[in-house]
Protein backbone atom coordinates (compact mmCIF):
# COMPACT_ATOMS: atom_id res chain seq x y z
CA MET A 1 75.28 80.66 91.10
CA LYS A 2 71.71 79.60 91.99
CA ILE A 3 72.41 76.47 93.86
CA LEU A 4 74.85 78.24 96.33
CA GLU A 5 72.46 81.08 96.79
CA ASP A 6 69.72 78.63 97.49
CA ARG A 7 71.83 76.86 100.03
CA ILE A 8 72.69 80.22 101.71
CA ILE A 9 69.00 81.10 102.00
CA LYS A 10 68.19 77.51 103.26
CA ASP A 11 71.08 77.10 105.87
CA GLY A 12 72.65 80.48 106.44
CA VAL A 13 72.22 82.44 109.62
CA VAL A 14 72.63 86.06 109.80
CA ARG A 15 74.42 87.41 112.91
CA ALA A 16 74.86 91.00 114.30
CA GLY A 17 77.70 92.79 112.82
CA ASN A 18 77.05 91.74 109.28
CA VAL A 19 78.16 88.14 109.91
CA LEU A 20 76.78 85.37 107.68
CA LYS A 21 77.15 81.98 109.37
CA VAL A 22 77.42 79.14 106.75
CA ASP A 23 79.42 76.78 108.74
CA CYS A 24 77.04 73.91 108.22
CA PHE A 25 78.17 73.58 104.57
CA LEU A 26 81.04 75.84 103.74
CA ASN A 27 83.63 76.52 106.40
CA HIS A 28 83.20 73.95 109.31
CA GLN A 29 81.20 71.07 107.91
CA MET A 30 81.78 71.05 104.25
CA ASP A 31 79.39 69.99 101.46
CA ILE A 32 81.81 68.41 99.00
CA SER A 33 79.25 67.97 96.35
CA LEU A 34 78.53 71.65 96.47
CA PHE A 35 82.27 72.44 96.22
CA GLN A 36 82.51 70.26 93.15
CA GLU A 37 79.75 72.34 91.48
CA MET A 38 81.50 75.52 92.70
CA ALA A 39 84.75 74.21 90.99
CA LYS A 40 83.07 73.48 87.78
CA GLU A 41 81.59 77.06 87.69
CA TRP A 42 85.08 78.70 88.26
CA LYS A 43 86.48 76.39 85.66
CA ALA A 44 83.84 77.64 83.09
CA ARG A 45 84.42 81.33 84.16
CA PHE A 46 88.15 81.19 83.94
CA ALA A 47 88.31 78.75 80.90
CA ASP A 48 90.44 81.29 78.83
CA LYS A 49 93.09 81.64 81.63
CA LYS A 50 96.35 79.51 81.78
CA ILE A 51 96.11 78.59 85.40
CA ASN A 52 98.56 76.21 86.85
CA LYS A 53 98.36 76.92 90.78
CA ILE A 54 95.57 77.67 93.15
CA LEU A 55 96.42 79.91 96.10
CA THR A 56 94.31 80.32 99.25
CA ILE A 57 94.72 81.22 102.93
CA GLU A 58 94.33 78.88 105.85
CA ALA A 59 92.05 77.52 107.11
CA SER A 60 88.71 77.82 105.47
CA GLY A 61 89.87 78.31 101.91
CA ILE A 62 91.98 75.14 101.88
CA ALA A 63 89.09 72.55 101.32
CA ILE A 64 87.45 74.74 98.66
CA ALA A 65 90.89 75.26 96.83
CA ALA A 66 91.53 71.49 96.88
CA ILE A 67 88.40 70.63 95.14
CA VAL A 68 88.85 73.59 92.75
CA ALA A 69 92.24 72.22 91.81
CA THR A 70 90.81 69.03 90.59
CA ALA A 71 88.73 71.05 88.00
CA PHE A 72 91.95 72.64 86.85
CA ASP A 73 93.76 69.41 85.88
CA ASN A 74 94.73 68.67 89.51
CA CYS A 75 97.20 71.61 89.75
CA PRO A 76 98.92 72.17 92.94
CA VAL A 77 97.29 74.09 95.81
CA VAL A 78 99.39 76.43 97.88
CA PHE A 79 98.03 78.09 101.06
CA ALA A 80 99.29 81.05 102.99
CA LYS A 81 100.11 80.01 106.52
CA LYS A 82 98.93 82.22 109.47
CA THR A 83 101.35 80.70 111.99
CA GLU A 84 104.96 80.02 111.86
CA SER A 85 106.09 76.33 111.77
CA LEU A 86 109.30 74.29 112.02
CA ASN A 87 108.58 72.49 108.85
CA VAL A 88 108.74 75.74 106.72
CA ASP A 89 112.43 76.23 106.02
CA GLY A 90 114.18 78.90 103.85
CA ALA A 91 112.86 82.23 102.51
CA VAL A 92 109.22 83.14 102.47
CA TYR A 93 107.02 85.72 100.91
CA SER A 94 104.76 87.33 103.53
CA SER A 95 102.02 90.03 104.01
CA LYS A 96 99.68 91.24 106.66
CA VAL A 97 96.00 90.35 106.61
CA THR A 98 93.18 91.29 108.88
CA SER A 99 90.27 88.89 109.53
CA PHE A 100 86.84 90.64 109.31
CA THR A 101 85.16 88.08 111.55
CA LYS A 102 88.07 87.43 113.87
CA LYS A 103 89.13 91.12 114.23
CA ARG A 104 92.83 90.08 114.18
CA THR A 105 95.77 90.92 112.02
CA TYR A 106 97.94 88.05 110.91
CA ASP A 107 101.40 87.82 109.24
CA VAL A 108 100.74 85.38 106.54
CA PHE A 109 103.46 83.55 104.51
CA VAL A 110 104.18 81.17 101.67
CA SER A 111 107.61 79.45 101.13
CA GLN A 112 109.30 80.99 98.17
CA LYS A 113 109.89 77.51 96.63
CA TYR A 114 106.19 77.12 95.98
CA LEU A 115 105.63 80.29 93.82
CA SER A 116 107.74 81.40 90.91
CA PRO A 117 107.57 83.89 87.97
CA ASP A 118 106.37 80.98 85.72
CA ASP A 119 103.16 80.46 87.86
CA HIS A 120 99.68 81.64 86.73
CA ILE A 121 97.59 81.89 89.91
CA LEU A 122 93.92 81.57 90.67
CA ILE A 123 93.39 82.91 94.09
CA VAL A 124 90.35 81.13 95.87
CA ASP A 125 88.66 81.95 99.26
CA ASP A 126 85.44 81.24 100.96
CA PHE A 127 84.42 84.92 101.78
CA LEU A 128 85.21 88.40 100.62
CA ALA A 129 84.23 91.30 102.70
CA VAL A 130 86.53 94.46 102.52
CA GLY A 131 89.41 92.49 100.98
CA SER A 132 92.27 92.17 103.34
CA ALA A 133 92.94 88.55 102.66
CA LEU A 134 92.85 89.03 98.92
CA ASN A 135 95.22 92.06 99.19
CA GLY A 136 97.69 89.99 101.18
CA LEU A 137 97.48 87.04 98.69
CA ILE A 138 97.87 89.37 95.70
CA ASP A 139 100.84 91.05 97.52
CA ILE A 140 102.64 87.56 97.96
CA VAL A 141 101.86 86.66 94.27
CA ASN A 142 103.42 89.95 93.20
CA GLN A 143 106.51 89.40 95.39
CA SER A 144 107.08 86.11 93.63
CA GLY A 145 106.73 87.59 90.10
CA ALA A 146 103.92 85.17 89.25
CA THR A 147 100.67 86.38 87.54
CA VAL A 148 97.34 86.56 89.09
CA GLU A 149 94.91 85.19 86.51
CA GLY A 150 91.81 85.61 88.66
CA LEU A 151 90.00 85.66 92.02
CA GLY A 152 87.45 83.14 92.90
CA ILE A 153 85.26 83.87 95.88
CA ALA A 154 82.46 81.65 97.18
CA ILE A 155 80.46 84.40 99.00
CA GLU A 156 81.25 88.14 98.57
CA LYS A 157 79.50 90.73 100.86
CA GLY A 158 78.92 93.14 98.15
CA PHE A 159 77.73 95.82 100.51
CA GLN A 160 81.11 96.05 102.10
CA GLY A 161 82.78 97.16 98.84
CA GLY A 162 85.86 94.80 98.81
CA GLY A 163 84.75 93.12 95.46
CA ASP A 164 84.03 96.32 93.73
CA SER A 165 87.54 97.66 94.54
CA PHE A 166 89.28 94.64 93.10
CA ARG A 167 87.05 94.85 89.67
CA GLU A 168 87.99 98.57 89.55
CA LYS A 169 91.62 97.53 89.74
CA GLY A 170 91.10 95.33 86.66
CA TYR A 171 91.07 91.87 88.28
CA GLN A 172 88.77 89.14 87.04
CA LEU A 173 86.76 88.51 90.26
CA GLU A 174 84.29 85.76 90.08
CA SER A 175 82.11 85.66 93.25
CA LEU A 176 79.52 82.78 93.08
CA ALA A 177 77.04 84.53 95.37
CA ILE A 178 77.18 88.33 96.12
CA VAL A 179 75.15 89.38 99.19
CA GLU A 180 73.79 92.84 98.99
CA LYS A 181 72.02 93.01 102.37
CA LEU A 182 72.06 91.12 105.68
CA ASP A 183 69.28 91.73 108.29
CA ALA A 184 70.19 89.89 111.55
CA GLU A 185 66.95 90.87 113.12
CA ASN A 186 64.80 89.12 110.54
CA ASN A 187 67.41 86.66 109.18
CA VAL A 188 67.11 88.18 105.78
CA ILE A 189 69.71 87.71 103.06
CA GLU A 190 69.49 89.50 99.67
CA PHE A 191 71.63 88.97 96.69
CA ARG A 192 72.96 91.16 93.94
CA LYS A 193 70.84 90.89 90.81
């Protein structure tokens, strides 16, 4: 998606350790107009799927998922929580995920009342590096008996292999920008052709 790639080039900052900082438009301050264009793009790419729910993980995926839901007939957004809360009652589906940028493992969970075997899920997230968050979300969907219809990622770090592993497993993974190289010393970002 050229407008996302252009925005990454314009405002993205490459940090040591293969970190791409895009917090000025994607995951701290958010460009809603850009999110709306991303949602339209995913709607077009998943047009043949029967999606009735969007699933993401807190926190950065929530805003993107909410805008994406508007493109899919305002279907509900469910997000996996990383911390226990008194307002989540009853049984939950849970899985473990490790954050690439935070270097921390979380137990994430979704209340069982929000996912069922009748659901057709589009999983959406801001970044894909090695795929821990996606694996955890897919695990939760599988526990519920729902169907994973597709995976929508804003920015995939193609050089870390996570995206290719999901494609090899047969998932329809639609990343709107796939970064093939990050050079922190020269602030260079190269995309997959």
